[in-house]
């Protein structure tokens, strides 16, 4: 499954999370929750959300320092 980034168009926090992941050399699968009613309901107010193998490892304000704390699990 790998690393996934749950996002939506126009989300600046999502863009920051993607940039931080990319700085760590991680190219996540990007999933726009607007296209999936179940994901939208589950994660709407929690975006962005980073999943690894289907499990939430980070959400909300995600920056490089936060990802470095959890990077061994990524």
PDB file of N, CA and C in Angstrom:
ATOM      1  N   UNK A   1       0.815  -1.202   0.000  1.00  0.00           N
ATOM      2  CA  UNK A   1       0.000   0.000   0.000  1.00  0.00           C
ATOM      3  C   UNK A   1       0.857   1.263   0.000  1.00  0.00           C
ATOM      4  N   UNK A   2       1.908   1.309   0.802  1.00  0.00           N
ATOM      5  CA  UNK A   2       2.794   2.463   0.803  1.00  0.00           C
ATOM      6  C   UNK A   2       2.233   3.670   1.523  1.00  0.00           C
ATOM      7  N   UNK A   3       2.729   4.850   1.116  1.00  0.00           N
ATOM      8  CA  UNK A   3       2.347   6.109   1.743  1.00  0.00           C
ATOM      9  C   UNK A   3       1.318   6.813   0.863  1.00  0.00           C
ATOM     10  N   UNK A   4       0.254   7.272   1.501  1.00  0.00           N
ATOM     11  CA  UNK A   4      -0.796   8.017   0.812  1.00  0.00           C
ATOM     12  C   UNK A   4      -0.990   9.351   1.505  1.00  0.00           C
ATOM     13  N   UNK A   5      -1.308  10.369   0.710  1.00  0.00           N
ATOM     14  CA  UNK A   5      -1.631  11.693   1.246  1.00  0.00           C
ATOM     15  C   UNK A   5      -3.067  11.999   0.863  1.00  0.00           C
ATOM     16  N   UNK A   6      -3.916  12.117   1.882  1.00  0.00           N
ATOM     17  CA  UNK A   6      -5.309  12.502   1.653  1.00  0.00           C
ATOM     18  C   UNK A   6      -5.370  14.011   1.618  1.00  0.00           C
ATOM     19  N   UNK A   7      -5.975  14.551   0.595  1.00  0.00           N
ATOM     20  CA  UNK A   7      -5.938  15.977   0.350  1.00  0.00           C
ATOM     21  C   UNK A   7      -7.219  16.430  -0.331  1.00  0.00           C
ATOM     22  N   UNK A   8      -7.269  17.704  -0.638  1.00  0.00           N
ATOM     23  CA  UNK A   8      -8.324  18.274  -1.479  1.00  0.00           C
ATOM     24  C   UNK A   8      -7.735  19.464  -2.204  1.00  0.00           C
ATOM     25  N   UNK A   9      -8.320  19.785  -3.315  1.00  0.00           N
ATOM     26  CA  UNK A   9      -7.862  20.927  -4.110  1.00  0.00           C
ATOM     27  C   UNK A   9      -7.941  22.216  -3.294  1.00  0.00           C
ATOM     28  N   UNK A  10      -6.913  23.044  -3.436  1.00  0.00           N
ATOM     29  CA  UNK A  10      -6.912  24.348  -2.776  1.00  0.00           C
ATOM     30  C   UNK A  10      -6.525  24.318  -1.311  1.00  0.00           C
ATOM     31  N   UNK A  11      -6.073  23.197  -0.813  1.00  0.00           N
ATOM     32  CA  UNK A  11      -5.701  23.058   0.603  1.00  0.00           C
ATOM     33  C   UNK A  11      -4.218  23.402   0.763  1.00  0.00           C
ATOM     34  N   UNK A  12      -3.923  24.570   1.339  1.00  0.00           N
ATOM     35  CA  UNK A  12      -2.521  24.969   1.485  1.00  0.00           C
ATOM     36  C   UNK A  12      -1.765  24.084   2.467  1.00  0.00           C
ATOM     37  N   UNK A  13      -2.430  23.581   3.489  1.00  0.00           N
ATOM     38  CA  UNK A  13      -1.765  22.668   4.418  1.00  0.00           C
ATOM     39  C   UNK A  13      -1.408  21.362   3.719  1.00  0.00           C
ATOM     40  N   UNK A  14      -2.252  20.944   2.789  1.00  0.00           N
ATOM     41  CA  UNK A  14      -1.984  19.732   2.014  1.00  0.00           C
ATOM     42  C   UNK A  14      -0.760  19.931   1.124  1.00  0.00           C
ATOM     43  N   UNK A  15      -0.651  21.103   0.529  1.00  0.00           N
ATOM     44  CA  UNK A  15       0.507  21.417  -0.307  1.00  0.00           C
ATOM     45  C   UNK A  15       1.785  21.412   0.528  1.00  0.00           C
ATOM     46  N   UNK A  16       1.715  21.937   1.743  1.00  0.00           N
ATOM     47  CA  UNK A  16       2.883  21.945   2.630  1.00  0.00           C
ATOM     48  C   UNK A  16       3.271  20.525   3.023  1.00  0.00           C
ATOM     49  N   UNK A  17       2.268  19.693   3.303  1.00  0.00           N
ATOM     50  CA  UNK A  17       2.541  18.299   3.672  1.00  0.00           C
ATOM     51  C   UNK A  17       3.204  17.562   2.515  1.00  0.00           C
ATOM     52  N   UNK A  18       2.721  17.768   1.297  1.00  0.00           N
ATOM     53  CA  UNK A  18       3.314  17.130   0.129  1.00  0.00           C
ATOM     54  C   UNK A  18       4.758  17.583  -0.056  1.00  0.00           C
ATOM     55  N   UNK A  19       5.018  18.868   0.100  1.00  0.00           N
ATOM     56  CA  UNK A  19       6.383  19.388  -0.041  1.00  0.00           C
ATOM     57  C   UNK A  19       7.300  18.757   1.007  1.00  0.00           C
ATOM     58  N   UNK A  20       6.823  18.617   2.236  1.00  0.00           N
ATOM     59  CA  UNK A  20       7.634  18.013   3.298  1.00  0.00           C
ATOM     60  C   UNK A  20       7.914  16.544   2.987  1.00  0.00           C
ATOM     61  N   UNK A  21       6.910  15.818   2.533  1.00  0.00           N
ATOM     62  CA  UNK A  21       7.121  14.420   2.152  1.00  0.00           C
ATOM     63  C   UNK A  21       8.143  14.316   1.033  1.00  0.00           C
ATOM     64  N   UNK A  22       8.013  15.173   0.041  1.00  0.00           N
ATOM     65  CA  UNK A  22       8.945  15.162  -1.081  1.00  0.00           C
ATOM     66  C   UNK A  22      10.367  15.461  -0.632  1.00  0.00           C
ATOM     67  N   UNK A  23      10.534  16.373   0.347  1.00  0.00           N
ATOM     68  CA  UNK A  23      11.868  16.689   0.865  1.00  0.00           C
ATOM     69  C   UNK A  23      12.512  15.474   1.512  1.00  0.00           C
ATOM     70  N   UNK A  24      11.689  14.580   2.024  1.00  0.00           N
ATOM     71  CA  UNK A  24      12.204  13.349   2.630  1.00  0.00           C
ATOM     72  C   UNK A  24      12.375  12.243   1.593  1.00  0.00           C
ATOM     73  N   UNK A  25      12.116  12.558   0.330  1.00  0.00           N
ATOM     74  CA  UNK A  25      12.252  11.561  -0.726  1.00  0.00           C
ATOM     75  C   UNK A  25      11.067  10.624  -0.834  1.00  0.00           C
ATOM     76  N   UNK A  26       9.947  11.024  -0.257  1.00  0.00           N
ATOM     77  CA  UNK A  26       8.736  10.201  -0.273  1.00  0.00           C
ATOM     78  C   UNK A  26       7.774  10.775  -1.300  1.00  0.00           C
ATOM     79  N   UNK A  27       7.372   9.957  -2.246  1.00  0.00           N
ATOM     80  CA  UNK A  27       6.399  10.359  -3.269  1.00  0.00           C
ATOM     81  C   UNK A  27       5.102   9.613  -2.985  1.00  0.00           C
ATOM     82  N   UNK A  28       4.215  10.219  -2.202  1.00  0.00           N
ATOM     83  CA  UNK A  28       3.000   9.504  -1.797  1.00  0.00           C
ATOM     84  C   UNK A  28       1.991   9.401  -2.935  1.00  0.00           C
ATOM     85  N   UNK A  29       1.119   8.434  -2.805  1.00  0.00           N
ATOM     86  CA  UNK A  29      -0.063   8.390  -3.662  1.00  0.00           C
ATOM     87  C   UNK A  29      -0.981   9.492  -3.146  1.00  0.00           C
ATOM     88  N   UNK A  30      -1.412  10.371  -4.022  1.00  0.00           N
ATOM     89  CA  UNK A  30      -2.259  11.489  -3.611  1.00  0.00           C
ATOM     90  C   UNK A  30      -3.715  11.127  -3.878  1.00  0.00           C
ATOM     91  N   UNK A  31      -4.526  11.249  -2.833  1.00  0.00           N
ATOM     92  CA  UNK A  31      -5.935  10.910  -2.931  1.00  0.00           C
ATOM     93  C   UNK A  31      -6.761  12.125  -2.551  1.00  0.00           C
ATOM     94  N   UNK A  32      -7.568  12.602  -3.494  1.00  0.00           N
ATOM     95  CA  UNK A  32      -8.465  13.742  -3.255  1.00  0.00           C
ATOM     96  C   UNK A  32      -9.754  13.208  -2.636  1.00  0.00           C
ATOM     97  N   UNK A  33     -10.012  13.588  -1.392  1.00  0.00           N
ATOM     98  CA  UNK A  33     -11.178  13.064  -0.685  1.00  0.00           C
ATOM     99  C   UNK A  33     -12.501  13.541  -1.278  1.00  0.00           C
ATOM    100  N   UNK A  34     -12.451  14.598  -2.069  1.00  0.00           N
ATOM    101  CA  UNK A  34     -13.683  15.111  -2.674  1.00  0.00           C
ATOM    102  C   UNK A  34     -14.298  14.091  -3.628  1.00  0.00           C
ATOM    103  N   UNK A  35     -13.504  13.149  -4.116  1.00  0.00           N
ATOM    104  CA  UNK A  35     -14.007  12.150  -5.050  1.00  0.00           C
ATOM    105  C   UNK A  35     -14.524  10.893  -4.388  1.00  0.00           C
ATOM    106  N   UNK A  36     -14.520  10.837  -3.059  1.00  0.00           N
ATOM    107  CA  UNK A  36     -14.939   9.638  -2.340  1.00  0.00           C
ATOM    108  C   UNK A  36     -15.735  10.052  -1.098  1.00  0.00           C
ATOM    109  N   UNK A  37     -17.025   9.797  -1.124  1.00  0.00           N
ATOM    110  CA  UNK A  37     -17.911  10.238  -0.037  1.00  0.00           C
ATOM    111  C   UNK A  37     -17.488   9.683   1.318  1.00  0.00           C
ATOM    112  N   UNK A  38     -17.032   8.433   1.352  1.00  0.00           N
ATOM    113  CA  UNK A  38     -16.613   7.826   2.623  1.00  0.00           C
ATOM    114  C   UNK A  38     -15.369   8.513   3.179  1.00  0.00           C
ATOM    115  N   UNK A  39     -14.386   8.737   2.320  1.00  0.00           N
ATOM    116  CA  UNK A  39     -13.173   9.422   2.772  1.00  0.00           C
ATOM    117  C   UNK A  39     -13.473  10.848   3.196  1.00  0.00           C
ATOM    118  N   UNK A  40     -14.327  11.525   2.449  1.00  0.00           N
ATOM    119  CA  UNK A  40     -14.694  12.895   2.793  1.00  0.00           C
ATOM    120  C   UNK A  40     -15.334  12.948   4.174  1.00  0.00           C
ATOM    121  N   UNK A  41     -16.233  12.039   4.433  1.00  0.00           N
ATOM    122  CA  UNK A  41     -16.903  12.017   5.740  1.00  0.00           C
ATOM    123  C   UNK A  41     -15.911  11.703   6.862  1.00  0.00           C
ATOM    124  N   UNK A  42     -15.004  10.796   6.631  1.00  0.00           N
ATOM    125  CA  UNK A  42     -14.076  10.363   7.679  1.00  0.00           C
ATOM    126  C   UNK A  42     -12.961  11.374   7.949  1.00  0.00           C
ATOM    127  N   UNK A  43     -12.493  12.073   6.899  1.00  0.00           N
ATOM    128  CA  UNK A  43     -11.282  12.879   7.039  1.00  0.00           C
ATOM    129  C   UNK A  43     -11.447  14.365   6.750  1.00  0.00           C
ATOM    130  N   UNK A  44     -12.636  14.813   6.435  1.00  0.00           N
ATOM    131  CA  UNK A  44     -12.885  16.185   5.993  1.00  0.00           C
ATOM    132  C   UNK A  44     -12.169  17.240   6.833  1.00  0.00           C
ATOM    133  N   UNK A  45     -12.373  17.239   8.109  1.00  0.00           N
ATOM    134  CA  UNK A  45     -11.805  18.277   8.978  1.00  0.00           C
ATOM    135  C   UNK A  45     -10.409  17.939   9.481  1.00  0.00           C
ATOM    136  N   UNK A  46      -9.872  16.791   9.071  1.00  0.00           N
ATOM    137  CA  UNK A  46      -8.563  16.349   9.542  1.00  0.00           C
ATOM    138  C   UNK A  46      -7.461  16.565   8.507  1.00  0.00           C
ATOM    139  N   UNK A  47      -7.808  17.018   7.331  1.00  0.00           N
ATOM    140  CA  UNK A  47      -6.851  17.125   6.222  1.00  0.00           C
ATOM    141  C   UNK A  47      -5.749  18.125   6.510  1.00  0.00           C
ATOM    142  N   UNK A  48      -4.579  17.876   5.997  1.00  0.00           N
ATOM    143  CA  UNK A  48      -4.147  16.699   5.270  1.00  0.00           C
ATOM    144  C   UNK A  48      -3.917  15.520   6.211  1.00  0.00           C
ATOM    145  N   UNK A  49      -3.965  14.323   5.644  1.00  0.00           N
ATOM    146  CA  UNK A  49      -3.726  13.107   6.416  1.00  0.00           C
ATOM    147  C   UNK A  49      -2.713  12.259   5.658  1.00  0.00           C
ATOM    148  N   UNK A  50      -1.687  11.803   6.371  1.00  0.00           N
ATOM    149  CA  UNK A  50      -0.707  10.888   5.792  1.00  0.00           C
ATOM    150  C   UNK A  50      -1.013   9.499   6.327  1.00  0.00           C
ATOM    151  N   UNK A  51      -1.171   8.564   5.400  1.00  0.00           N
ATOM    152  CA  UNK A  51      -1.418   7.169   5.752  1.00  0.00           C
ATOM    153  C   UNK A  51      -0.221   6.336   5.326  1.00  0.00           C
ATOM    154  N   UNK A  52       0.092   5.343   6.115  1.00  0.00           N
ATOM    155  CA  UNK A  52       1.090   4.342   5.710  1.00  0.00           C
ATOM    156  C   UNK A  52       0.442   2.987   5.876  1.00  0.00           C
ATOM    157  N   UNK A  53       0.361   2.282   4.790  1.00  0.00           N
ATOM    158  CA  UNK A  53      -0.291   0.970   4.789  1.00  0.00           C
ATOM    159  C   UNK A  53      -1.690   1.041   5.392  1.00  0.00           C
ATOM    160  N   UNK A  54      -2.392   2.146   5.096  1.00  0.00           N
ATOM    161  CA  UNK A  54      -3.775   2.311   5.533  1.00  0.00           C
ATOM    162  C   UNK A  54      -3.952   2.869   6.928  1.00  0.00           C
ATOM    163  N   UNK A  55      -2.860   3.105   7.655  1.00  0.00           N
ATOM    164  CA  UNK A  55      -2.946   3.628   9.020  1.00  0.00           C
ATOM    165  C   UNK A  55      -2.515   5.093   9.056  1.00  0.00           C
ATOM    166  N   UNK A  56      -3.228   5.908   9.831  1.00  0.00           N
ATOM    167  CA  UNK A  56      -2.902   7.324   9.959  1.00  0.00           C
ATOM    168  C   UNK A  56      -1.604   7.466  10.746  1.00  0.00           C
ATOM    169  N   UNK A  57      -0.634   8.182  10.141  1.00  0.00           N
ATOM    170  CA  UNK A  57       0.624   8.461  10.851  1.00  0.00           C
ATOM    171  C   UNK A  57       0.785   9.950  11.150  1.00  0.00           C
ATOM    172  N   UNK A  58       0.037  10.807  10.443  1.00  0.00           N
ATOM    173  CA  UNK A  58       0.088  12.248  10.703  1.00  0.00           C
ATOM    174  C   UNK A  58      -1.155  12.887  10.098  1.00  0.00           C
ATOM    175  N   UNK A  59      -1.582  13.978  10.715  1.00  0.00           N
ATOM    176  CA  UNK A  59      -2.737  14.706  10.188  1.00  0.00           C
ATOM    177  C   UNK A  59      -2.683  16.154  10.645  1.00  0.00           C
ATOM    178  N   UNK A  60      -3.452  16.980   9.953  1.00  0.00           N
ATOM    179  CA  UNK A  60      -3.513  18.395  10.303  1.00  0.00           C
ATOM    180  C   UNK A  60      -2.291  19.138   9.809  1.00  0.00           C
ATOM    181  N   UNK A  61      -1.708  19.961  10.631  1.00  0.00           N
ATOM    182  CA  UNK A  61      -0.527  20.743  10.248  1.00  0.00           C
ATOM    183  C   UNK A  61       0.681  19.804  10.251  1.00  0.00           C
ATOM    184  N   UNK A  62       1.112  19.424   9.056  1.00  0.00           N
ATOM    185  CA  UNK A  62       2.210  18.473   8.892  1.00  0.00           C
ATOM    186  C   UNK A  62       3.370  19.201   8.230  1.00  0.00           C
ATOM    187  N   UNK A  63       4.493  19.293   8.937  1.00  0.00           N
ATOM    188  CA  UNK A  63       5.659  19.937   8.353  1.00  0.00           C
ATOM    189  C   UNK A  63       6.850  18.992   8.431  1.00  0.00           C
ATOM    190  N   UNK A  64       7.963  19.434   7.936  1.00  0.00           N
ATOM    191  CA  UNK A  64       9.150  18.591   7.867  1.00  0.00           C
ATOM    192  C   UNK A  64       9.578  18.091   9.240  1.00  0.00           C
ATOM    193  N   UNK A  65       9.537  18.947  10.250  1.00  0.00           N
ATOM    194  CA  UNK A  65       9.966  18.512  11.584  1.00  0.00           C
ATOM    195  C   UNK A  65       9.035  17.430  12.131  1.00  0.00           C
ATOM    196  N   UNK A  66       7.758  17.554  11.875  1.00  0.00           N
ATOM    197  CA  UNK A  66       6.796  16.528  12.322  1.00  0.00           C
ATOM    198  C   UNK A  66       7.061  15.211  11.600  1.00  0.00           C
ATOM    199  N   UNK A  67       7.303  15.282  10.299  1.00  0.00           N
ATOM    200  CA  UNK A  67       7.553  14.061   9.546  1.00  0.00           C
ATOM    201  C   UNK A  67       8.873  13.408   9.948  1.00  0.00           C
ATOM    202  N   UNK A  68       9.845  14.195  10.307  1.00  0.00           N
ATOM    203  CA  UNK A  68      11.129  13.626  10.753  1.00  0.00           C
ATOM    204  C   UNK A  68      10.941  12.825  12.034  1.00  0.00           C
ATOM    205  N   UNK A  69       9.993  13.232  12.872  1.00  0.00           N
ATOM    206  CA  UNK A  69       9.704  12.487  14.098  1.00  0.00           C
ATOM    207  C   UNK A  69       9.129  11.105  13.791  1.00  0.00           C
ATOM    208  N   UNK A  70       8.352  11.022  12.728  1.00  0.00           N
ATOM    209  CA  UNK A  70       7.694   9.753  12.394  1.00  0.00           C
ATOM    210  C   UNK A  70       8.343   9.052  11.217  1.00  0.00           C
ATOM    211  N   UNK A  71       9.345   9.669  10.604  1.00  0.00           N
ATOM    212  CA  UNK A  71       9.934   9.138   9.376  1.00  0.00           C
ATOM    213  C   UNK A  71      10.341   7.667   9.455  1.00  0.00           C
ATOM    214  N   UNK A  72      10.889   7.175  10.556  1.00  0.00           N
ATOM    215  CA  UNK A  72      11.232   5.749  10.577  1.00  0.00           C
ATOM    216  C   UNK A  72      10.032   4.842  10.271  1.00  0.00           C
ATOM    217  N   UNK A  73       8.830   5.304  10.599  1.00  0.00           N
ATOM    218  CA  UNK A  73       7.646   4.496  10.294  1.00  0.00           C
ATOM    219  C   UNK A  73       7.200   4.656   8.857  1.00  0.00           C
ATOM    220  N   UNK A  74       7.709   5.694   8.164  1.00  0.00           N
ATOM    221  CA  UNK A  74       7.374   5.871   6.763  1.00  0.00           C
ATOM    222  C   UNK A  74       8.358   5.069   5.979  1.00  0.00           C
TER     223      UNK A  74
END
